[in-house]
Amino acid sequence: MKKQPLSQLGENALLSRLLACFPPPENSPQLLQGPGDDCAVVRRDEQWDTLLKTDAVVEGVHFVAGTEPSLIGRKALARAVSDIAAMGGIPEHALVTLFTSPQRDVQLLEGLYSGMAQLASRLDISLAGGETSSLPNDGLMLSIALFGRVEHGRALLRSGGKPRDVLCVSGPLGGSFASGRHLTFEPRVSLARELLLSSSPPHAAMDLSDGLSADLPRLAAASQCGFSIDVNLLPLQPDCSIQQALTDGEDYELLLALAPESAPQMCEQYGLVPIGRLTEETTDTLSGGWQHFTSTPSSQA
């Protein structure tokens, strides 16, 4: 069989092939939502479901060498928290795995954990344990396994969108990596909780980590919808172009699908920005955004 490098396959196609290896969902009746969303959802009890998320930051991809260690640690945890937020959940407990070379300075590593601890303390997240492993070559990586909770049956999924739903974002986009904002962003936990518990919760939601061009098609596909957006409506970070807002990624804002009858009031009340709609069929297409194995790290770091 001819070998196929990951650089030809790409992240999305790779995931499709790997997920085909998973056991069928009927083997796990407590699993309410498996792969394909911001978090997995597992039945906990009559009141709550458990949210499960893993995420990682890698030197040269998610941060550059020489970055302040506490900010690296903060980002590692905040990325996972952002996914819990996208489900409308409350983050609870984290496990941390550190991969690094033996030559790295111990004070650098203490700085990583200090940054995580500060954010964890503020968000009432326990750092419950983890693992360390050496690397054969110089490098640094942190992997976070985060557990959270959400009211039973109420997790905000990517798959709940409906044609005519209004697509909204929770804040300005673009330039996150270049500005350093990717290290200091605030996960949208409070806003997502307010939206979930409102009288008109979103039909679908996800966080914007890979860029709107990459993430919006994923939400639309999960909802079995097309989409139409007006790029001139995109809220832009200062000195950012529409193209940057579409493709830069690392924004960690929420992408939401709201019922058309409640969207105007919800946007006004919660400061959301409407950018388009879900449709019966695909009317627009987007390209670009970050995709592991085919995007080059130099565009991100």
C-alpha atoms as a PDB file:
ATOM      1  CA  MET A   1       0.000   0.000   0.000  1.00  0.00           C
ATOM      2  CA  LYS A   2       1.346   3.416  -0.965  1.00  0.00           C
ATOM      3  CA  LYS A   3       2.229   5.582   2.009  1.00  0.00           C
ATOM      4  CA  GLN A   4       0.336   8.855   2.358  1.00  0.00           C
ATOM      5  CA  PRO A   5       1.959  11.626   4.431  1.00  0.00           C
ATOM      6  CA  LEU A   6      -0.233  13.658   6.768  1.00  0.00           C
ATOM      7  CA  SER A   7       0.730  16.801   4.857  1.00  0.00           C
ATOM      8  CA  GLN A   8      -1.298  15.464   1.909  1.00  0.00           C
ATOM      9  CA  LEU A   9      -4.196  14.223   4.020  1.00  0.00           C
ATOM     10  CA  GLY A  10      -4.848  17.151   6.376  1.00  0.00           C
ATOM     11  CA  GLU A  11      -6.411  17.284   9.825  1.00  0.00           C
ATOM     12  CA  ASN A  12     -10.074  16.873   8.870  1.00  0.00           C
ATOM     13  CA  ALA A  13      -9.497  13.862   6.635  1.00  0.00           C
ATOM     14  CA  LEU A  14      -7.186  12.312   9.218  1.00  0.00           C
ATOM     15  CA  LEU A  15      -9.822  12.619  11.923  1.00  0.00           C
ATOM     16  CA  SER A  16     -12.421  10.976   9.690  1.00  0.00           C
ATOM     17  CA  ARG A  17     -10.137   7.983   9.208  1.00  0.00           C
ATOM     18  CA  LEU A  18      -9.190   7.736  12.870  1.00  0.00           C
ATOM     19  CA  LEU A  19     -12.785   8.010  14.070  1.00  0.00           C
ATOM     20  CA  ALA A  20     -13.666   5.035  11.901  1.00  0.00           C
ATOM     21  CA  CYS A  21     -11.467   3.006  14.273  1.00  0.00           C
ATOM     22  CA  PHE A  22     -13.554   3.958  17.327  1.00  0.00           C
ATOM     23  CA  PRO A  23     -16.003   1.421  18.785  1.00  0.00           C
ATOM     24  CA  PRO A  24     -19.644   2.088  17.882  1.00  0.00           C
ATOM     25  CA  PRO A  25     -21.430   4.550  20.219  1.00  0.00           C
ATOM     26  CA  GLU A  26     -23.992   1.935  21.261  1.00  0.00           C
ATOM     27  CA  ASN A  27     -21.172   0.262  23.184  1.00  0.00           C
ATOM     28  CA  SER A  28     -21.134   3.274  25.514  1.00  0.00           C
ATOM     29  CA  PRO A  29     -24.731   4.126  26.473  1.00  0.00           C
ATOM     30  CA  GLN A  30     -23.614   6.831  28.926  1.00  0.00           C
ATOM     31  CA  LEU A  31     -21.845   8.703  26.116  1.00  0.00           C
ATOM     32  CA  LEU A  32     -24.348  11.335  24.986  1.00  0.00           C
ATOM     33  CA  GLN A  33     -22.067  13.191  22.536  1.00  0.00           C
ATOM     34  CA  GLY A  34     -18.892  11.677  21.171  1.00  0.00           C
ATOM     35  CA  PRO A  35     -16.252  13.013  18.784  1.00  0.00           C
ATOM     36  CA  GLY A  36     -17.090  15.952  16.564  1.00  0.00           C
ATOM     37  CA  ASP A  37     -17.992  18.663  19.050  1.00  0.00           C
ATOM     38  CA  ASP A  38     -16.049  21.025  21.302  1.00  0.00           C
ATOM     39  CA  CYS A  39     -16.366  18.503  24.155  1.00  0.00           C
ATOM     40  CA  ALA A  40     -17.616  14.977  24.682  1.00  0.00           C
ATOM     41  CA  VAL A  41     -20.729  14.725  26.873  1.00  0.00           C
ATOM     42  CA  VAL A  42     -21.264  11.855  29.330  1.00  0.00           C
ATOM     43  CA  ARG A  43     -24.326  11.258  31.503  1.00  0.00           C
ATOM     44  CA  ARG A  44     -23.544  12.026  35.160  1.00  0.00           C
ATOM     45  CA  ASP A  45     -26.843  12.027  37.054  1.00  0.00           C
ATOM     46  CA  GLU A  46     -30.371  13.388  36.795  1.00  0.00           C
ATOM     47  CA  GLN A  47     -29.192  16.982  37.172  1.00  0.00           C
ATOM     48  CA  TRP A  48     -25.830  17.166  35.394  1.00  0.00           C
ATOM     49  CA  ASP A  49     -23.889  15.811  32.451  1.00  0.00           C
ATOM     50  CA  THR A  50     -20.086  15.656  32.443  1.00  0.00           C
ATOM     51  CA  LEU A  51     -18.056  17.477  29.783  1.00  0.00           C
ATOM     52  CA  LEU A  52     -14.686  15.999  28.714  1.00  0.00           C
ATOM     53  CA  LYS A  53     -12.027  17.903  26.812  1.00  0.00           C
ATOM     54  CA  THR A  54      -8.348  17.513  25.960  1.00  0.00           C
ATOM     55  CA  ASP A  55      -6.205  20.212  24.385  1.00  0.00           C
ATOM     56  CA  ALA A  56      -2.501  20.869  23.917  1.00  0.00           C
ATOM     57  CA  VAL A  57      -0.104  23.722  23.229  1.00  0.00           C
ATOM     58  CA  VAL A  58       3.144  23.019  21.387  1.00  0.00           C
ATOM     59  CA  GLU A  59       6.196  25.233  21.149  1.00  0.00           C
ATOM     60  CA  GLY A  60       6.572  26.574  17.621  1.00  0.00           C
ATOM     61  CA  VAL A  61       2.883  26.041  16.849  1.00  0.00           C
ATOM     62  CA  HIS A  62       0.839  27.621  19.663  1.00  0.00           C
ATOM     63  CA  PHE A  63       3.554  29.823  21.145  1.00  0.00           C
ATOM     64  CA  VAL A  64       7.031  30.941  20.193  1.00  0.00           C
ATOM     65  CA  ALA A  65      10.242  30.146  22.035  1.00  0.00           C
ATOM     66  CA  GLY A  66      10.962  32.766  24.680  1.00  0.00           C
ATOM     67  CA  THR A  67       7.296  33.394  25.563  1.00  0.00           C
ATOM     68  CA  GLU A  68       6.694  34.236  29.227  1.00  0.00           C
ATOM     69  CA  PRO A  69       6.186  30.800  30.892  1.00  0.00           C
ATOM     70  CA  SER A  70       3.193  31.869  32.989  1.00  0.00           C
ATOM     71  CA  LEU A  71       1.399  32.982  29.814  1.00  0.00           C
ATOM     72  CA  ILE A  72       2.095  29.625  28.149  1.00  0.00           C
ATOM     73  CA  GLY A  73       0.570  27.811  31.113  1.00  0.00           C
ATOM     74  CA  ARG A  74      -2.384  30.179  31.198  1.00  0.00           C
ATOM     75  CA  LYS A  75      -3.057  29.665  27.491  1.00  0.00           C
ATOM     76  CA  ALA A  76      -2.868  25.876  27.797  1.00  0.00           C
ATOM     77  CA  LEU A  77      -5.635  25.842  30.390  1.00  0.00           C
ATOM     78  CA  ALA A  78      -7.646  28.694  28.872  1.00  0.00           C
ATOM     79  CA  ARG A  79      -7.925  26.902  25.507  1.00  0.00           C
ATOM     80  CA  ALA A  80      -9.587  23.917  27.136  1.00  0.00           C
ATOM     81  CA  VAL A  81     -11.800  26.190  29.254  1.00  0.00           C
ATOM     82  CA  SER A  82     -12.949  27.910  26.055  1.00  0.00           C
ATOM     83  CA  ASP A  83     -14.258  24.586  24.747  1.00  0.00           C
ATOM     84  CA  ILE A  84     -16.131  23.929  27.996  1.00  0.00           C
ATOM     85  CA  ALA A  85     -17.611  27.421  27.648  1.00  0.00           C
ATOM     86  CA  ALA A  86     -18.724  26.700  24.080  1.00  0.00           C
ATOM     87  CA  MET A  87     -20.903  23.885  25.443  1.00  0.00           C
ATOM     88  CA  GLY A  88     -22.455  26.211  28.029  1.00  0.00           C
ATOM     89  CA  GLY A  89     -20.616  24.367  30.786  1.00  0.00           C
ATOM     90  CA  ILE A  90     -18.786  25.001  34.046  1.00  0.00           C
ATOM     91  CA  PRO A  91     -15.109  23.881  34.177  1.00  0.00           C
ATOM     92  CA  GLU A  92     -14.247  21.784  37.220  1.00  0.00           C
ATOM     93  CA  HIS A  93     -11.059  19.668  37.249  1.00  0.00           C
ATOM     94  CA  ALA A  94      -7.909  19.557  35.120  1.00  0.00           C
ATOM     95  CA  LEU A  95      -5.144  17.015  34.578  1.00  0.00           C
ATOM     96  CA  VAL A  96      -1.885  18.364  33.154  1.00  0.00           C
ATOM     97  CA  THR A  97       0.714  16.452  31.131  1.00  0.00           C
ATOM     98  CA  LEU A  98       4.076  18.122  30.561  1.00  0.00           C
ATOM     99  CA  PHE A  99       6.443  17.054  27.775  1.00  0.00           C
ATOM    100  CA  THR A 100       9.870  18.675  27.709  1.00  0.00           C
ATOM    101  CA  SER A 101      13.555  18.033  27.169  1.00  0.00           C
ATOM    102  CA  PRO A 102      15.867  17.468  30.171  1.00  0.00           C
ATOM    103  CA  GLN A 103      17.849  20.593  29.278  1.00  0.00           C
ATOM    104  CA  ARG A 104      14.978  22.965  30.078  1.00  0.00           C
ATOM    105  CA  ASP A 105      15.290  25.126  33.188  1.00  0.00           C
ATOM    106  CA  VAL A 106      13.159  24.076  36.151  1.00  0.00           C
ATOM    107  CA  GLN A 107      12.137  27.680  36.846  1.00  0.00           C
ATOM    108  CA  LEU A 108      10.612  27.873  33.370  1.00  0.00           C
ATOM    109  CA  LEU A 109       8.502  24.830  34.179  1.00  0.00           C
ATOM    110  CA  GLU A 110       7.455  26.268  37.526  1.00  0.00           C
ATOM    111  CA  GLY A 111       6.336  29.365  35.638  1.00  0.00           C
ATOM    112  CA  LEU A 112       4.070  27.247  33.422  1.00  0.00           C
ATOM    113  CA  TYR A 113       2.275  25.806  36.408  1.00  0.00           C
ATOM    114  CA  SER A 114       2.089  29.191  38.115  1.00  0.00           C
ATOM    115  CA  GLY A 115       0.230  30.596  35.130  1.00  0.00           C
ATOM    116  CA  MET A 116      -2.172  27.669  35.090  1.00  0.00           C
ATOM    117  CA  ALA A 117      -2.718  27.917  38.841  1.00  0.00           C
ATOM    118  CA  GLN A 118      -3.623  31.607  38.694  1.00  0.00           C
ATOM    119  CA  LEU A 119      -6.328  31.047  36.074  1.00  0.00           C
ATOM    120  CA  ALA A 120      -7.534  27.853  37.747  1.00  0.00           C
ATOM    121  CA  SER A 121      -7.908  29.629  41.084  1.00  0.00           C
ATOM    122  CA  ARG A 122      -9.900  32.459  39.553  1.00  0.00           C
ATOM    123  CA  LEU A 123     -12.258  30.059  37.741  1.00  0.00           C
ATOM    124  CA  ASP A 124     -12.566  27.581  40.650  1.00  0.00           C
ATOM    125  CA  ILE A 125     -10.861  24.800  38.694  1.00  0.00           C
ATOM    126  CA  SER A 126      -8.868  22.185  40.580  1.00  0.00           C
ATOM    127  CA  LEU A 127      -5.512  21.112  39.169  1.00  0.00           C
ATOM    128  CA  ALA A 128      -6.067  17.498  40.121  1.00  0.00           C
ATOM    129  CA  GLY A 129      -2.855  15.874  38.880  1.00  0.00           C
ATOM    130  CA  GLY A 130      -1.219  14.781  35.675  1.00  0.00           C
ATOM    131  CA  GLU A 131       1.978  13.362  34.229  1.00  0.00           C
ATOM    132  CA  THR A 132       5.433  14.409  33.029  1.00  0.00           C
ATOM    133  CA  SER A 133       7.495  12.952  30.219  1.00  0.00           C
ATOM    134  CA  SER A 134      10.900  13.735  28.755  1.00  0.00           C
ATOM    135  CA  LEU A 135      11.373  14.430  25.054  1.00  0.00           C
ATOM    136  CA  PRO A 136      14.284  12.989  23.039  1.00  0.00           C
ATOM    137  CA  ASN A 137      14.878  16.392  21.412  1.00  0.00           C
ATOM    138  CA  ASP A 138      14.537  19.968  22.606  1.00  0.00           C
ATOM    139  CA  GLY A 139      10.914  21.044  22.850  1.00  0.00           C
ATOM    140  CA  LEU A 140       8.024  21.907  25.148  1.00  0.00           C
ATOM    141  CA  MET A 141       4.380  20.836  25.146  1.00  0.00           C
ATOM    142  CA  LEU A 142       1.517  20.960  27.636  1.00  0.00           C
ATOM    143  CA  SER A 143      -1.576  18.774  27.322  1.00  0.00           C
ATOM    144  CA  ILE A 144      -4.686  19.503  29.379  1.00  0.00           C
ATOM    145  CA  ALA A 145      -7.513  17.092  30.154  1.00  0.00           C
ATOM    146  CA  LEU A 146     -10.387  19.177  31.497  1.00  0.00           C
ATOM    147  CA  PHE A 147     -13.604  17.991  33.074  1.00  0.00           C
ATOM    148  CA  GLY A 148     -16.709  20.130  33.492  1.00  0.00           C
ATOM    149  CA  ARG A 149     -20.435  19.933  33.944  1.00  0.00           C
ATOM    150  CA  VAL A 150     -23.565  21.199  32.250  1.00  0.00           C
ATOM    151  CA  GLU A 151     -27.248  20.766  33.024  1.00  0.00           C
ATOM    152  CA  HIS A 152     -28.460  17.359  31.846  1.00  0.00           C
ATOM    153  CA  GLY A 153     -29.509  17.406  28.204  1.00  0.00           C
ATOM    154  CA  ARG A 154     -28.754  21.109  27.739  1.00  0.00           C
ATOM    155  CA  ALA A 155     -25.205  21.161  26.360  1.00  0.00           C
ATOM    156  CA  LEU A 156     -24.817  23.561  23.442  1.00  0.00           C
ATOM    157  CA  LEU A 157     -23.863  21.361  20.493  1.00  0.00           C
ATOM    158  CA  ARG A 158     -22.662  22.229  17.008  1.00  0.00           C
ATOM    159  CA  SER A 159     -25.450  20.097  15.558  1.00  0.00           C
ATOM    160  CA  GLY A 160     -28.506  22.021  16.799  1.00  0.00           C
ATOM    161  CA  GLY A 161     -28.590  24.758  14.173  1.00  0.00           C
ATOM    162  CA  LYS A 162     -31.589  25.194  11.866  1.00  0.00           C
ATOM    163  CA  PRO A 163     -32.107  26.928   8.518  1.00  0.00           C
ATOM    164  CA  ARG A 164     -32.797  30.662   8.996  1.00  0.00           C
ATOM    165  CA  ASP A 165     -30.950  30.721  12.340  1.00  0.00           C
ATOM    166  CA  VAL A 166     -28.962  33.924  12.735  1.00  0.00           C
ATOM    167  CA  LEU A 167     -25.206  33.408  12.966  1.00  0.00           C
ATOM    168  CA  CYS A 168     -23.496  35.623  15.541  1.00  0.00           C
ATOM    169  CA  VAL A 169     -20.066  36.063  17.091  1.00  0.00           C
ATOM    170  CA  SER A 170     -19.374  37.246  20.606  1.00  0.00           C
ATOM    171  CA  GLY A 171     -16.563  39.687  19.834  1.00  0.00           C
ATOM    172  CA  PRO A 172     -14.027  41.104  17.360  1.00  0.00           C
ATOM    173  CA  LEU A 173     -11.838  38.785  15.301  1.00  0.00           C
ATOM    174  CA  GLY A 174      -8.358  38.773  13.794  1.00  0.00           C
ATOM    175  CA  GLY A 175      -4.753  39.371  14.743  1.00  0.00           C
ATOM    176  CA  SER A 176      -4.767  37.333  17.943  1.00  0.00           C
ATOM    177  CA  PHE A 177      -1.365  35.713  17.527  1.00  0.00           C
ATOM    178  CA  ALA A 178       0.428  38.767  16.172  1.00  0.00           C
ATOM    179  CA  SER A 179      -0.912  40.972  18.969  1.00  0.00           C
ATOM    180  CA  GLY A 180      -0.216  38.466  21.764  1.00  0.00           C
ATOM    181  CA  ARG A 181      -3.913  38.344  22.632  1.00  0.00           C
ATOM    182  CA  HIS A 182      -3.857  34.573  22.148  1.00  0.00           C
ATOM    183  CA  LEU A 183      -1.961  34.413  25.463  1.00  0.00           C
ATOM    184  CA  THR A 184      -4.298  36.631  27.501  1.00  0.00           C
ATOM    185  CA  PHE A 185      -7.815  36.061  26.106  1.00  0.00           C
ATOM    186  CA  GLU A 186     -10.664  35.541  28.539  1.00  0.00           C
ATOM    187  CA  PRO A 187     -12.643  32.308  27.975  1.00  0.00           C
ATOM    188  CA  ARG A 188     -16.320  33.153  27.475  1.00  0.00           C
ATOM    189  CA  VAL A 189     -17.611  31.017  30.353  1.00  0.00           C
ATOM    190  CA  SER A 190     -19.848  33.652  31.950  1.00  0.00           C
ATOM    191  CA  LEU A 191     -21.411  34.774  28.674  1.00  0.00           C
ATOM    192  CA  ALA A 192     -22.070  31.217  27.522  1.00  0.00           C
ATOM    193  CA  ARG A 193     -23.701  30.361  30.854  1.00  0.00           C
ATOM    194  CA  GLU A 194     -25.974  33.393  30.576  1.00  0.00           C
ATOM    195  CA  LEU A 195     -26.933  32.413  27.043  1.00  0.00           C
ATOM    196  CA  LEU A 196     -27.604  28.795  27.992  1.00  0.00           C
ATOM    197  CA  LEU A 197     -29.841  29.788  30.906  1.00  0.00           C
ATOM    198  CA  SER A 198     -31.672  32.522  28.999  1.00  0.00           C
ATOM    199  CA  SER A 199     -35.225  32.227  27.729  1.00  0.00           C
ATOM    200  CA  SER A 200     -33.887  31.740  24.174  1.00  0.00           C
ATOM    201  CA  PRO A 201     -30.682  29.686  24.375  1.00  0.00           C
ATOM    202  CA  PRO A 202     -28.618  29.251  21.206  1.00  0.00           C
ATOM    203  CA  HIS A 203     -29.550  26.371  18.929  1.00  0.00           C
ATOM    204  CA  ALA A 204     -25.842  25.686  18.261  1.00  0.00           C
ATOM    205  CA  ALA A 205     -22.473  26.975  19.423  1.00  0.00           C
ATOM    206  CA  MET A 206     -18.720  26.456  19.174  1.00  0.00           C
ATOM    207  CA  ASP A 207     -15.588  28.407  20.004  1.00  0.00           C
ATOM    208  CA  LEU A 208     -13.497  30.049  17.296  1.00  0.00           C
ATOM    209  CA  SER A 209      -9.999  28.640  17.605  1.00  0.00           C
ATOM    210  CA  ASP A 210      -9.024  27.766  14.013  1.00  0.00           C
ATOM    211  CA  GLY A 211     -10.513  30.829  12.327  1.00  0.00           C
ATOM    212  CA  LEU A 212     -14.061  31.537  11.142  1.00  0.00           C
ATOM    213  CA  SER A 213     -13.230  30.165   7.687  1.00  0.00           C
ATOM    214  CA  ALA A 214     -12.414  26.776   9.201  1.00  0.00           C
ATOM    215  CA  ASP A 215     -14.893  26.691  12.083  1.00  0.00           C
ATOM    216  CA  LEU A 216     -18.134  27.997  10.558  1.00  0.00           C
ATOM    217  CA  PRO A 217     -18.287  25.236   7.915  1.00  0.00           C
ATOM    218  CA  ARG A 218     -17.844  22.689  10.723  1.00  0.00           C
ATOM    219  CA  LEU A 219     -20.831  24.050  12.641  1.00  0.00           C
ATOM    220  CA  ALA A 220     -22.956  24.233   9.498  1.00  0.00           C
ATOM    221  CA  ALA A 221     -22.037  20.680   8.483  1.00  0.00           C
ATOM    222  CA  ALA A 222     -22.793  19.349  11.967  1.00  0.00           C
ATOM    223  CA  SER A 223     -26.208  21.040  11.762  1.00  0.00           C
ATOM    224  CA  GLN A 224     -26.729  19.679   8.219  1.00  0.00           C
ATOM    225  CA  CYS A 225     -27.112  23.217   6.927  1.00  0.00           C
ATOM    226  CA  GLY A 226     -25.441  25.584   4.552  1.00  0.00           C
ATOM    227  CA  PHE A 227     -24.553  29.143   5.499  1.00  0.00           C
ATOM    228  CA  SER A 228     -24.528  32.653   4.135  1.00  0.00           C
ATOM    229  CA  ILE A 229     -22.507  35.454   5.708  1.00  0.00           C
ATOM    230  CA  ASP A 230     -21.810  39.105   4.955  1.00  0.00           C
ATOM    231  CA  VAL A 231     -18.086  39.562   5.581  1.00  0.00           C
ATOM    232  CA  ASN A 232     -18.629  43.313   5.858  1.00  0.00           C
ATOM    233  CA  LEU A 233     -20.507  42.667   9.100  1.00  0.00           C
ATOM    234  CA  LEU A 234     -17.573  40.929  10.775  1.00  0.00           C
ATOM    235  CA  PRO A 235     -16.391  42.742  13.905  1.00  0.00           C
ATOM    236  CA  LEU A 236     -12.663  43.414  13.488  1.00  0.00           C
ATOM    237  CA  GLN A 237      -9.908  43.850  16.003  1.00  0.00           C
ATOM    238  CA  PRO A 238      -8.028  47.160  15.560  1.00  0.00           C
ATOM    239  CA  ASP A 239      -5.860  47.282  12.422  1.00  0.00           C
ATOM    240  CA  CYS A 240      -7.156  43.897  11.209  1.00  0.00           C
ATOM    241  CA  SER A 241      -8.552  43.113   7.770  1.00  0.00           C
ATOM    242  CA  ILE A 242     -11.566  41.010   6.882  1.00  0.00           C
ATOM    243  CA  GLN A 243      -9.192  38.309   5.636  1.00  0.00           C
ATOM    244  CA  GLN A 244      -7.431  38.220   9.004  1.00  0.00           C
ATOM    245  CA  ALA A 245     -10.771  37.975  10.796  1.00  0.00           C
ATOM    246  CA  LEU A 246     -11.674  35.001   8.610  1.00  0.00           C
ATOM    247  CA  THR A 247      -8.427  33.063   8.734  1.00  0.00           C
ATOM    248  CA  ASP A 248      -6.088  34.086  11.568  1.00  0.00           C
ATOM    249  CA  GLY A 249      -7.732  31.950  14.251  1.00  0.00           C
ATOM    250  CA  GLU A 250      -6.889  31.914  17.972  1.00  0.00           C
ATOM    251  CA  ASP A 251      -9.814  34.292  18.679  1.00  0.00           C
ATOM    252  CA  TYR A 252     -11.603  32.108  21.257  1.00  0.00           C
ATOM    253  CA  GLU A 253     -14.850  33.986  20.751  1.00  0.00           C
ATOM    254  CA  LEU A 254     -18.170  32.139  20.505  1.00  0.00           C
ATOM    255  CA  LEU A 255     -19.871  31.345  17.208  1.00  0.00           C
ATOM    256  CA  LEU A 256     -23.617  30.997  17.799  1.00  0.00           C
ATOM    257  CA  ALA A 257     -26.769  30.062  15.884  1.00  0.00           C
ATOM    258  CA  LEU A 258     -29.792  31.892  17.312  1.00  0.00           C
ATOM    259  CA  ALA A 259     -33.486  31.506  16.557  1.00  0.00           C
ATOM    260  CA  PRO A 260     -34.439  34.280  14.108  1.00  0.00           C
ATOM    261  CA  GLU A 261     -37.335  35.538  16.220  1.00  0.00           C
ATOM    262  CA  SER A 262     -35.183  36.090  19.313  1.00  0.00           C
ATOM    263  CA  ALA A 263     -31.853  37.019  17.688  1.00  0.00           C
ATOM    264  CA  PRO A 264     -32.296  40.836  17.620  1.00  0.00           C
ATOM    265  CA  GLN A 265     -33.105  41.020  21.316  1.00  0.00           C
ATOM    266  CA  MET A 266     -30.375  38.513  22.229  1.00  0.00           C
ATOM    267  CA  CYS A 267     -27.768  40.418  20.224  1.00  0.00           C
ATOM    268  CA  GLU A 268     -28.694  43.701  21.891  1.00  0.00           C
ATOM    269  CA  GLN A 269     -28.826  42.238  25.392  1.00  0.00           C
ATOM    270  CA  TYR A 270     -25.588  40.244  25.226  1.00  0.00           C
ATOM    271  CA  GLY A 271     -23.498  42.308  22.819  1.00  0.00           C
ATOM    272  CA  LEU A 272     -23.489  39.694  20.049  1.00  0.00           C
ATOM    273  CA  VAL A 273     -22.774  40.622  16.428  1.00  0.00           C
ATOM    274  CA  PRO A 274     -24.923  39.064  13.661  1.00  0.00           C
ATOM    275  CA  ILE A 275     -22.892  38.071  10.599  1.00  0.00           C
ATOM    276  CA  GLY A 276     -25.235  35.862   8.542  1.00  0.00           C
ATOM    277  CA  ARG A 277     -27.594  32.894   8.605  1.00  0.00           C
ATOM    278  CA  LEU A 278     -27.724  29.150   8.344  1.00  0.00           C
ATOM    279  CA  THR A 279     -29.447  28.064   5.137  1.00  0.00           C
ATOM    280  CA  GLU A 280     -31.187  25.037   3.674  1.00  0.00           C
ATOM    281  CA  GLU A 281     -28.355  24.526   1.189  1.00  0.00           C
ATOM    282  CA  THR A 282     -24.817  25.794   0.883  1.00  0.00           C
ATOM    283  CA  THR A 283     -24.835  29.263  -0.635  1.00  0.00           C
ATOM    284  CA  ASP A 284     -21.417  30.461   0.530  1.00  0.00           C
ATOM    285  CA  THR A 285     -18.078  28.731   0.879  1.00  0.00           C
ATOM    286  CA  LEU A 286     -15.039  29.663   2.930  1.00  0.00           C
ATOM    287  CA  SER A 287     -11.430  28.567   2.724  1.00  0.00           C
ATOM    288  CA  GLY A 288      -8.413  29.077   4.909  1.00  0.00           C
ATOM    289  CA  GLY A 289      -7.982  29.022   8.654  1.00  0.00           C
ATOM    290  CA  TRP A 290      -5.701  26.740  10.616  1.00  0.00           C
ATOM    291  CA  GLN A 291      -5.549  23.019   9.930  1.00  0.00           C
ATOM    292  CA  HIS A 292      -2.891  20.867  11.540  1.00  0.00           C
ATOM    293  CA  PHE A 293      -0.531  18.966   9.210  1.00  0.00           C
ATOM    294  CA  THR A 294      -1.217  21.248   6.229  1.00  0.00           C
ATOM    295  CA  SER A 295      -0.978  24.771   7.693  1.00  0.00           C
ATOM    296  CA  THR A 296       2.573  25.913   8.328  1.00  0.00           C
ATOM    297  CA  PRO A 297       3.527  26.839  11.916  1.00  0.00           C
ATOM    298  CA  SER A 298       5.238  29.992  10.682  1.00  0.00           C
ATOM    299  CA  SER A 299       1.781  31.446  10.011  1.00  0.00           C
ATOM    300  CA  GLN A 300       0.876  30.955  13.638  1.00  0.00           C
ATOM    301  CA  ALA A 301       4.137  31.316  15.495  1.00  0.00           C
END
